[in-house]
Amino acid sequence: MIKQPIYMSTRTPVPSASNSPLMSVRNLTEDAADLYIYGEIVDNTDWKWDESDVMPADVLNAMKSVEGLKTLNIYINSPGGSVFAGLAIYNMLKRNPAKKNVYVDGLAASIASVIAQAGDNIYMPANAFLMIHKPWTIAMGDSNFFRKLAEDLDVIESGVMEVYKDNMRENISIETIQQMVDDETWLTAEEAAKYFNIEMIDSKQVAACATHVLQKYNKTPDNLIKFPETPVAKSTDASTQNEKNIIAWQNELDLLAL
């Protein structure tokens, strides 16, 4: 009898690379840098299911390159992933003394919605989404195992709720947020700004996370599933074309666990 949660995916593992351009620091200056989290959040391992996956180790390496900067701009487009990896990333970003501006480019779902809360300022284009829900997993075991697993999930959820509590509007009760978590709630930027310290900004055209990933959630909005991918323009410049290909790869994701 297996005594631990089983994480399932149909993807083929690929070698991980801590210096992957898919999780990188860009536009680095003496005072500021841009950090892109455009992928599924996964635990530290010796391999990745997909090149776009983001591990805590990736963020740690990025943090080393931005030490001493005054401003850190963090761009997020992620369907979520591992709760523990996401909390580690949130805490690393939160500890960084730089002023952190978070931009939810397309989607911050599940644990990615927690990572987004690390910002001193959080911005969402009018056409972006934030999704919050209860942690879940897939497992095999006996009745004692499942009772213990349910208790563990409740404890994990309490840690996530503390992050939401620290970042909700003053006129919002934690009971309201808890009900939204229980129900799996998808929030537009306008709605998210009512509950959390988030500012809505003008719409931005960005490729949503892969639709086959989003269909695994219970209440994904139809218009998000049908969100058109950003076309890749033709270019005679090899480096420019390669960068655009990387952005396209970033949006070919597959949900792992939470």
C-alpha atoms as a PDB file:
ATOM      1  CA  MET A   1       0.000   0.000   0.000  1.00  0.00           C
ATOM      2  CA  ILE A   2       1.413   3.370  -1.037  1.00  0.00           C
ATOM      3  CA  LYS A   3       1.558   5.764   1.910  1.00  0.00           C
ATOM      4  CA  GLN A   4       2.120   9.094   0.201  1.00  0.00           C
ATOM      5  CA  PRO A   5       0.313  11.370  -2.257  1.00  0.00           C
ATOM      6  CA  ILE A   6       0.756  10.511  -5.916  1.00  0.00           C
ATOM      7  CA  TYR A   7       1.293  13.365  -8.342  1.00  0.00           C
ATOM      8  CA  MET A   8       0.217  12.506 -11.851  1.00  0.00           C
ATOM      9  CA  SER A   9       1.024  13.976 -15.244  1.00  0.00           C
ATOM     10  CA  THR A  10       1.236  12.797 -18.841  1.00  0.00           C
ATOM     11  CA  ARG A  11       4.267  14.921 -19.627  1.00  0.00           C
ATOM     12  CA  THR A  12       7.721  13.618 -20.418  1.00  0.00           C
ATOM     13  CA  PRO A  13      10.485  14.746 -18.029  1.00  0.00           C
ATOM     14  CA  VAL A  14      13.259  16.896 -19.446  1.00  0.00           C
ATOM     15  CA  PRO A  15      16.558  17.847 -17.800  1.00  0.00           C
ATOM     16  CA  SER A  16      16.218  20.869 -15.550  1.00  0.00           C
ATOM     17  CA  ALA A  17      18.414  23.908 -15.969  1.00  0.00           C
ATOM     18  CA  SER A  18      18.733  26.519 -13.250  1.00  0.00           C
ATOM     19  CA  ASN A  19      19.732  29.076 -15.862  1.00  0.00           C
ATOM     20  CA  SER A  20      16.759  28.341 -18.122  1.00  0.00           C
ATOM     21  CA  PRO A  21      15.763  31.451 -20.127  1.00  0.00           C
ATOM     22  CA  LEU A  22      12.117  30.584 -19.393  1.00  0.00           C
ATOM     23  CA  MET A  23      12.548  31.695 -15.779  1.00  0.00           C
ATOM     24  CA  SER A  24      14.874  34.626 -15.995  1.00  0.00           C
ATOM     25  CA  VAL A  25      15.836  38.090 -14.870  1.00  0.00           C
ATOM     26  CA  ARG A  26      15.582  40.622 -17.681  1.00  0.00           C
ATOM     27  CA  ASN A  27      16.226  44.325 -18.175  1.00  0.00           C
ATOM     28  CA  LEU A  28      18.725  44.303 -15.323  1.00  0.00           C
ATOM     29  CA  THR A  29      20.006  47.786 -14.432  1.00  0.00           C
ATOM     30  CA  GLU A  30      21.787  49.270 -11.443  1.00  0.00           C
ATOM     31  CA  ASP A  31      18.460  49.943  -9.718  1.00  0.00           C
ATOM     32  CA  ALA A  32      15.838  47.539 -11.111  1.00  0.00           C
ATOM     33  CA  ALA A  33      15.164  44.232 -12.838  1.00  0.00           C
ATOM     34  CA  ASP A  34      12.250  42.293 -14.332  1.00  0.00           C
ATOM     35  CA  LEU A  35      11.505  38.757 -13.138  1.00  0.00           C
ATOM     36  CA  TYR A  36       9.178  36.529 -15.181  1.00  0.00           C
ATOM     37  CA  ILE A  37       7.310  33.594 -13.620  1.00  0.00           C
ATOM     38  CA  TYR A  38       5.674  32.180 -16.720  1.00  0.00           C
ATOM     39  CA  GLY A  39       5.133  28.522 -15.956  1.00  0.00           C
ATOM     40  CA  GLU A  40       3.832  25.866 -13.612  1.00  0.00           C
ATOM     41  CA  ILE A  41       5.182  25.927 -10.052  1.00  0.00           C
ATOM     42  CA  VAL A  42       6.973  22.655  -9.246  1.00  0.00           C
ATOM     43  CA  ASP A  43       9.157  21.235  -6.473  1.00  0.00           C
ATOM     44  CA  ASN A  44      12.944  21.161  -6.702  1.00  0.00           C
ATOM     45  CA  THR A  45      14.078  18.011  -8.528  1.00  0.00           C
ATOM     46  CA  ASP A  46      16.865  16.941 -10.862  1.00  0.00           C
ATOM     47  CA  TRP A  47      14.470  17.182 -13.813  1.00  0.00           C
ATOM     48  CA  LYS A  48      11.431  19.105 -14.966  1.00  0.00           C
ATOM     49  CA  TRP A  49       8.269  17.883 -16.641  1.00  0.00           C
ATOM     50  CA  ASP A  50       8.428  20.870 -18.966  1.00  0.00           C
ATOM     51  CA  GLU A  51      11.022  23.544 -19.702  1.00  0.00           C
ATOM     52  CA  SER A  52       8.604  26.255 -18.590  1.00  0.00           C
ATOM     53  CA  ASP A  53       8.289  24.837 -15.044  1.00  0.00           C
ATOM     54  CA  VAL A  54       9.476  27.136 -12.252  1.00  0.00           C
ATOM     55  CA  MET A  55      11.222  25.677  -9.187  1.00  0.00           C
ATOM     56  CA  PRO A  56      12.148  27.451  -5.948  1.00  0.00           C
ATOM     57  CA  ALA A  57      15.777  26.898  -6.970  1.00  0.00           C
ATOM     58  CA  ASP A  58      15.149  28.938 -10.137  1.00  0.00           C
ATOM     59  CA  VAL A  59      13.814  31.841  -8.101  1.00  0.00           C
ATOM     60  CA  LEU A  60      16.654  31.544  -5.585  1.00  0.00           C
ATOM     61  CA  ASN A  61      19.199  31.847  -8.388  1.00  0.00           C
ATOM     62  CA  ALA A  62      17.314  34.828  -9.775  1.00  0.00           C
ATOM     63  CA  MET A  63      17.263  36.477  -6.346  1.00  0.00           C
ATOM     64  CA  LYS A  64      21.043  36.212  -6.134  1.00  0.00           C
ATOM     65  CA  SER A  65      21.387  38.248  -9.314  1.00  0.00           C
ATOM     66  CA  VAL A  66      19.142  41.069  -8.053  1.00  0.00           C
ATOM     67  CA  GLU A  67      20.618  41.591  -4.604  1.00  0.00           C
ATOM     68  CA  GLY A  68      20.839  45.254  -3.668  1.00  0.00           C
ATOM     69  CA  LEU A  69      18.405  46.513  -6.305  1.00  0.00           C
ATOM     70  CA  LYS A  70      15.788  49.097  -5.347  1.00  0.00           C
ATOM     71  CA  THR A  71      12.962  47.794  -7.552  1.00  0.00           C
ATOM     72  CA  LEU A  72      11.898  44.350  -8.699  1.00  0.00           C
ATOM     73  CA  ASN A  73       9.144  43.993 -11.310  1.00  0.00           C
ATOM     74  CA  ILE A  74       7.594  40.513 -11.198  1.00  0.00           C
ATOM     75  CA  TYR A  75       5.453  39.301 -14.102  1.00  0.00           C
ATOM     76  CA  ILE A  76       3.200  36.270 -13.522  1.00  0.00           C
ATOM     77  CA  ASN A  77       1.251  34.046 -15.914  1.00  0.00           C
ATOM     78  CA  SER A  78       0.859  30.686 -14.170  1.00  0.00           C
ATOM     79  CA  PRO A  79      -1.814  28.023 -13.560  1.00  0.00           C
ATOM     80  CA  GLY A  80      -0.298  27.223 -10.149  1.00  0.00           C
ATOM     81  CA  GLY A  81       1.289  23.969  -9.042  1.00  0.00           C
ATOM     82  CA  SER A  82       2.986  22.695  -5.898  1.00  0.00           C
ATOM     83  CA  VAL A  83       1.810  24.417  -2.721  1.00  0.00           C
ATOM     84  CA  PHE A  84       5.106  23.964  -0.884  1.00  0.00           C
ATOM     85  CA  ALA A  85       7.171  25.193  -3.824  1.00  0.00           C
ATOM     86  CA  GLY A  86       4.831  28.168  -4.216  1.00  0.00           C
ATOM     87  CA  LEU A  87       5.028  29.100  -0.548  1.00  0.00           C
ATOM     88  CA  ALA A  88       8.822  28.896  -0.721  1.00  0.00           C
ATOM     89  CA  ILE A  89       8.828  31.226  -3.729  1.00  0.00           C
ATOM     90  CA  TYR A  90       6.420  33.607  -1.994  1.00  0.00           C
ATOM     91  CA  ASN A  91       8.636  33.759   1.104  1.00  0.00           C
ATOM     92  CA  MET A  92      11.804  34.324  -0.940  1.00  0.00           C
ATOM     93  CA  LEU A  93      10.202  37.199  -2.817  1.00  0.00           C
ATOM     94  CA  LYS A  94       8.666  38.626   0.341  1.00  0.00           C
ATOM     95  CA  ARG A  95      12.048  38.700   2.119  1.00  0.00           C
ATOM     96  CA  ASN A  96      13.699  40.640  -0.676  1.00  0.00           C
ATOM     97  CA  PRO A  97      13.984  44.277   0.521  1.00  0.00           C
ATOM     98  CA  ALA A  98      13.456  45.773  -2.932  1.00  0.00           C
ATOM     99  CA  LYS A  99      10.179  47.448  -3.793  1.00  0.00           C
ATOM    100  CA  LYS A 100       8.241  44.701  -5.556  1.00  0.00           C
ATOM    101  CA  ASN A 101       5.748  45.479  -8.304  1.00  0.00           C
ATOM    102  CA  VAL A 102       3.765  42.392  -9.324  1.00  0.00           C
ATOM    103  CA  TYR A 103       1.953  42.257 -12.662  1.00  0.00           C
ATOM    104  CA  VAL A 104      -0.527  39.421 -13.304  1.00  0.00           C
ATOM    105  CA  ASP A 105      -0.110  39.344 -17.063  1.00  0.00           C
ATOM    106  CA  GLY A 106      -2.760  36.712 -17.815  1.00  0.00           C
ATOM    107  CA  LEU A 107      -3.473  34.369 -14.931  1.00  0.00           C
ATOM    108  CA  ALA A 108      -2.408  33.801 -11.335  1.00  0.00           C
ATOM    109  CA  ALA A 109      -4.275  30.644 -10.369  1.00  0.00           C
ATOM    110  CA  SER A 110      -4.066  28.424  -7.300  1.00  0.00           C
ATOM    111  CA  ILE A 111      -0.664  28.793  -5.579  1.00  0.00           C
ATOM    112  CA  ALA A 112       0.345  31.418  -8.168  1.00  0.00           C
ATOM    113  CA  SER A 113      -2.321  33.646  -6.593  1.00  0.00           C
ATOM    114  CA  VAL A 114      -0.317  33.375  -3.358  1.00  0.00           C
ATOM    115  CA  ILE A 115       2.973  34.219  -5.077  1.00  0.00           C
ATOM    116  CA  ALA A 116       1.330  37.337  -6.500  1.00  0.00           C
ATOM    117  CA  GLN A 117       0.620  38.544  -2.957  1.00  0.00           C
ATOM    118  CA  ALA A 118       4.371  39.021  -2.397  1.00  0.00           C
ATOM    119  CA  GLY A 119       4.198  42.372  -4.165  1.00  0.00           C
ATOM    120  CA  ASP A 120       4.191  45.730  -2.441  1.00  0.00           C
ATOM    121  CA  ASN A 121       2.059  46.807  -5.400  1.00  0.00           C
ATOM    122  CA  ILE A 122      -0.036  44.309  -7.359  1.00  0.00           C
ATOM    123  CA  TYR A 123      -1.377  45.195 -10.785  1.00  0.00           C
ATOM    124  CA  MET A 124      -3.844  43.249 -12.923  1.00  0.00           C
ATOM    125  CA  PRO A 125      -4.880  44.183 -16.456  1.00  0.00           C
ATOM    126  CA  ALA A 126      -8.653  44.327 -16.845  1.00  0.00           C
ATOM    127  CA  ASN A 127      -8.630  41.058 -18.827  1.00  0.00           C
ATOM    128  CA  ALA A 128      -6.476  39.055 -16.371  1.00  0.00           C
ATOM    129  CA  PHE A 129      -7.688  36.512 -13.823  1.00  0.00           C
ATOM    130  CA  LEU A 130      -6.934  35.492 -10.239  1.00  0.00           C
ATOM    131  CA  MET A 131      -8.184  32.108  -8.997  1.00  0.00           C
ATOM    132  CA  ILE A 132      -8.268  30.852  -5.394  1.00  0.00           C
ATOM    133  CA  HIS A 133      -9.316  27.390  -4.230  1.00  0.00           C
ATOM    134  CA  LYS A 134      -8.674  24.692  -1.659  1.00  0.00           C
ATOM    135  CA  PRO A 135      -5.476  22.617  -1.912  1.00  0.00           C
ATOM    136  CA  TRP A 136      -6.035  19.183  -3.417  1.00  0.00           C
ATOM    137  CA  THR A 137      -4.038  16.147  -4.379  1.00  0.00           C
ATOM    138  CA  ILE A 138      -4.302  12.608  -5.770  1.00  0.00           C
ATOM    139  CA  ALA A 139      -3.414   9.740  -3.465  1.00  0.00           C
ATOM    140  CA  MET A 140      -3.706   6.031  -2.655  1.00  0.00           C
ATOM    141  CA  GLY A 141      -3.817   4.527   0.823  1.00  0.00           C
ATOM    142  CA  ASP A 142      -5.968   3.091   3.584  1.00  0.00           C
ATOM    143  CA  SER A 143      -8.615   4.886   5.672  1.00  0.00           C
ATOM    144  CA  ASN A 144      -6.098   6.014   8.307  1.00  0.00           C
ATOM    145  CA  PHE A 145      -3.929   7.511   5.596  1.00  0.00           C
ATOM    146  CA  PHE A 146      -6.808   9.479   4.085  1.00  0.00           C
ATOM    147  CA  ARG A 147      -7.901  10.823   7.468  1.00  0.00           C
ATOM    148  CA  LYS A 148      -4.359  12.054   8.080  1.00  0.00           C
ATOM    149  CA  LEU A 149      -4.117  13.424   4.538  1.00  0.00           C
ATOM    150  CA  ALA A 150      -7.339  15.430   4.999  1.00  0.00           C
ATOM    151  CA  GLU A 151      -5.919  16.917   8.200  1.00  0.00           C
ATOM    152  CA  ASP A 152      -2.676  17.778   6.433  1.00  0.00           C
ATOM    153  CA  LEU A 153      -4.544  19.536   3.627  1.00  0.00           C
ATOM    154  CA  ASP A 154      -6.430  21.609   6.205  1.00  0.00           C
ATOM    155  CA  VAL A 155      -3.138  22.659   7.820  1.00  0.00           C
ATOM    156  CA  ILE A 156      -1.679  23.560   4.424  1.00  0.00           C
ATOM    157  CA  GLU A 157      -4.787  25.585   3.622  1.00  0.00           C
ATOM    158  CA  SER A 158      -4.452  27.528   6.871  1.00  0.00           C
ATOM    159  CA  GLY A 159      -0.986  28.673   5.760  1.00  0.00           C
ATOM    160  CA  VAL A 160      -2.365  29.854   2.427  1.00  0.00           C
ATOM    161  CA  MET A 161      -5.212  31.662   4.191  1.00  0.00           C
ATOM    162  CA  GLU A 162      -2.715  33.601   6.296  1.00  0.00           C
ATOM    163  CA  VAL A 163      -1.212  35.031   3.106  1.00  0.00           C
ATOM    164  CA  TYR A 164      -4.637  36.063   1.816  1.00  0.00           C
ATOM    165  CA  LYS A 165      -5.494  37.546   5.217  1.00  0.00           C
ATOM    166  CA  ASP A 166      -2.390  39.742   5.152  1.00  0.00           C
ATOM    167  CA  ASN A 167      -3.311  41.118   1.736  1.00  0.00           C
ATOM    168  CA  MET A 168      -7.109  41.531   1.765  1.00  0.00           C
ATOM    169  CA  ARG A 169      -8.938  44.852   1.890  1.00  0.00           C
ATOM    170  CA  GLU A 170      -9.724  46.223   5.334  1.00  0.00           C
ATOM    171  CA  ASN A 171     -13.475  46.002   4.782  1.00  0.00           C
ATOM    172  CA  ILE A 172     -13.321  42.313   3.804  1.00  0.00           C
ATOM    173  CA  SER A 173     -13.677  39.512   6.363  1.00  0.00           C
ATOM    174  CA  ILE A 174     -11.546  36.381   6.352  1.00  0.00           C
ATOM    175  CA  GLU A 175     -14.781  34.375   6.365  1.00  0.00           C
ATOM    176  CA  THR A 176     -15.623  35.876   2.972  1.00  0.00           C
ATOM    177  CA  ILE A 177     -12.262  34.857   1.547  1.00  0.00           C
ATOM    178  CA  GLN A 178     -12.600  31.399   3.108  1.00  0.00           C
ATOM    179  CA  GLN A 179     -15.942  30.860   1.360  1.00  0.00           C
ATOM    180  CA  MET A 180     -14.407  31.942  -1.926  1.00  0.00           C
ATOM    181  CA  VAL A 181     -11.595  29.443  -1.405  1.00  0.00           C
ATOM    182  CA  ASP A 182     -14.100  26.694  -0.589  1.00  0.00           C
ATOM    183  CA  ASP A 183     -16.069  27.456  -3.763  1.00  0.00           C
ATOM    184  CA  GLU A 184     -13.085  27.761  -6.172  1.00  0.00           C
ATOM    185  CA  THR A 185     -13.506  31.383  -7.199  1.00  0.00           C
ATOM    186  CA  TRP A 186     -12.287  32.997 -10.405  1.00  0.00           C
ATOM    187  CA  LEU A 187     -11.851  36.745 -10.128  1.00  0.00           C
ATOM    188  CA  THR A 188     -11.476  39.317 -12.861  1.00  0.00           C
ATOM    189  CA  ALA A 189      -9.150  42.209 -12.117  1.00  0.00           C
ATOM    190  CA  GLU A 190     -12.110  44.377 -11.158  1.00  0.00           C
ATOM    191  CA  GLU A 191     -13.401  41.729  -8.752  1.00  0.00           C
ATOM    192  CA  ALA A 192      -9.957  40.926  -7.325  1.00  0.00           C
ATOM    193  CA  ALA A 193      -9.448  44.614  -6.525  1.00  0.00           C
ATOM    194  CA  LYS A 194     -12.573  44.530  -4.331  1.00  0.00           C
ATOM    195  CA  TYR A 195     -11.175  41.798  -2.091  1.00  0.00           C
ATOM    196  CA  PHE A 196      -7.385  42.177  -2.208  1.00  0.00           C
ATOM    197  CA  ASN A 197      -4.887  45.040  -2.337  1.00  0.00           C
ATOM    198  CA  ILE A 198      -4.781  44.887  -6.117  1.00  0.00           C
ATOM    199  CA  GLU A 199      -5.007  47.705  -8.669  1.00  0.00           C
ATOM    200  CA  MET A 200      -6.693  47.167 -12.024  1.00  0.00           C
ATOM    201  CA  ILE A 201      -4.883  48.585 -15.038  1.00  0.00           C
ATOM    202  CA  ASP A 202      -5.570  48.675 -18.777  1.00  0.00           C
ATOM    203  CA  SER A 203      -6.023  45.394 -20.629  1.00  0.00           C
ATOM    204  CA  LYS A 204      -2.972  43.639 -21.998  1.00  0.00           C
ATOM    205  CA  GLN A 205      -2.812  41.129 -24.831  1.00  0.00           C
ATOM    206  CA  VAL A 206      -0.996  38.073 -23.497  1.00  0.00           C
ATOM    207  CA  ALA A 207      -1.256  34.357 -24.206  1.00  0.00           C
ATOM    208  CA  ALA A 208      -3.207  32.560 -21.513  1.00  0.00           C
ATOM    209  CA  CYS A 209      -1.923  29.362 -19.946  1.00  0.00           C
ATOM    210  CA  ALA A 210      -2.668  26.283 -22.062  1.00  0.00           C
ATOM    211  CA  THR A 211      -6.388  25.610 -22.223  1.00  0.00           C
ATOM    212  CA  HIS A 212      -6.034  21.868 -21.600  1.00  0.00           C
ATOM    213  CA  VAL A 213      -4.560  22.783 -18.203  1.00  0.00           C
ATOM    214  CA  LEU A 214      -7.324  25.182 -17.264  1.00  0.00           C
ATOM    215  CA  GLN A 215      -9.998  22.642 -18.170  1.00  0.00           C
ATOM    216  CA  LYS A 216      -8.840  20.533 -15.213  1.00  0.00           C
ATOM    217  CA  TYR A 217     -10.209  23.111 -12.785  1.00  0.00           C
ATOM    218  CA  ASN A 218     -13.898  22.932 -11.893  1.00  0.00           C
ATOM    219  CA  LYS A 219     -15.050  26.464 -12.726  1.00  0.00           C
ATOM    220  CA  THR A 220     -12.705  27.886 -15.335  1.00  0.00           C
ATOM    221  CA  PRO A 221     -14.516  30.723 -17.165  1.00  0.00           C
ATOM    222  CA  ASP A 222     -15.406  29.821 -20.748  1.00  0.00           C
ATOM    223  CA  ASN A 223     -13.903  33.013 -22.097  1.00  0.00           C
ATOM    224  CA  LEU A 224     -10.564  32.149 -20.478  1.00  0.00           C
ATOM    225  CA  ILE A 225     -10.524  28.672 -21.989  1.00  0.00           C
ATOM    226  CA  LYS A 226     -11.173  30.246 -25.383  1.00  0.00           C
ATOM    227  CA  PHE A 227      -8.512  32.940 -24.817  1.00  0.00           C
ATOM    228  CA  PRO A 228      -6.589  33.288 -28.104  1.00  0.00           C
ATOM    229  CA  GLU A 229      -2.862  32.728 -28.016  1.00  0.00           C
ATOM    230  CA  THR A 230      -0.635  35.598 -29.051  1.00  0.00           C
ATOM    231  CA  PRO A 231       0.570  35.012 -32.633  1.00  0.00           C
ATOM    232  CA  VAL A 232       4.292  34.767 -33.193  1.00  0.00           C
ATOM    233  CA  ALA A 233       5.313  37.241 -35.865  1.00  0.00           C
ATOM    234  CA  LYS A 234       7.797  36.280 -38.523  1.00  0.00           C
ATOM    235  CA  SER A 235      11.242  37.746 -38.148  1.00  0.00           C
ATOM    236  CA  THR A 236      14.468  37.509 -40.054  1.00  0.00           C
ATOM    237  CA  ASP A 237      16.424  38.104 -36.846  1.00  0.00           C
ATOM    238  CA  ALA A 238      17.284  34.713 -35.333  1.00  0.00           C
ATOM    239  CA  SER A 239      17.648  35.931 -31.764  1.00  0.00           C
ATOM    240  CA  THR A 240      14.321  37.789 -31.878  1.00  0.00           C
ATOM    241  CA  GLN A 241      12.545  34.767 -33.323  1.00  0.00           C
ATOM    242  CA  ASN A 242      14.104  32.518 -30.681  1.00  0.00           C
ATOM    243  CA  GLU A 243      12.858  34.797 -27.888  1.00  0.00           C
ATOM    244  CA  LYS A 244       9.346  34.696 -29.318  1.00  0.00           C
ATOM    245  CA  ASN A 245       9.522  30.909 -29.506  1.00  0.00           C
ATOM    246  CA  ILE A 246      10.517  30.828 -25.837  1.00  0.00           C
ATOM    247  CA  ILE A 247       7.461  32.914 -24.923  1.00  0.00           C
ATOM    248  CA  ALA A 248       5.265  30.472 -26.831  1.00  0.00           C
ATOM    249  CA  TRP A 249       6.826  27.519 -24.979  1.00  0.00           C
ATOM    250  CA  GLN A 250       6.137  29.236 -21.676  1.00  0.00           C
ATOM    251  CA  ASN A 251       2.423  28.878 -22.278  1.00  0.00           C
ATOM    252  CA  GLU A 252       2.480  25.157 -23.118  1.00  0.00           C
ATOM    253  CA  LEU A 253       1.871  23.968 -19.569  1.00  0.00           C
ATOM    254  CA  ASP A 254       0.326  20.927 -17.893  1.00  0.00           C
ATOM    255  CA  LEU A 255      -1.086  20.877 -14.350  1.00  0.00           C
ATOM    256  CA  LEU A 256       0.793  18.617 -11.913  1.00  0.00           C
ATOM    257  CA  ALA A 257      -0.909  18.575  -8.539  1.00  0.00           C
ATOM    258  CA  LEU A 258      -2.430  21.587  -6.776  1.00  0.00           C
END
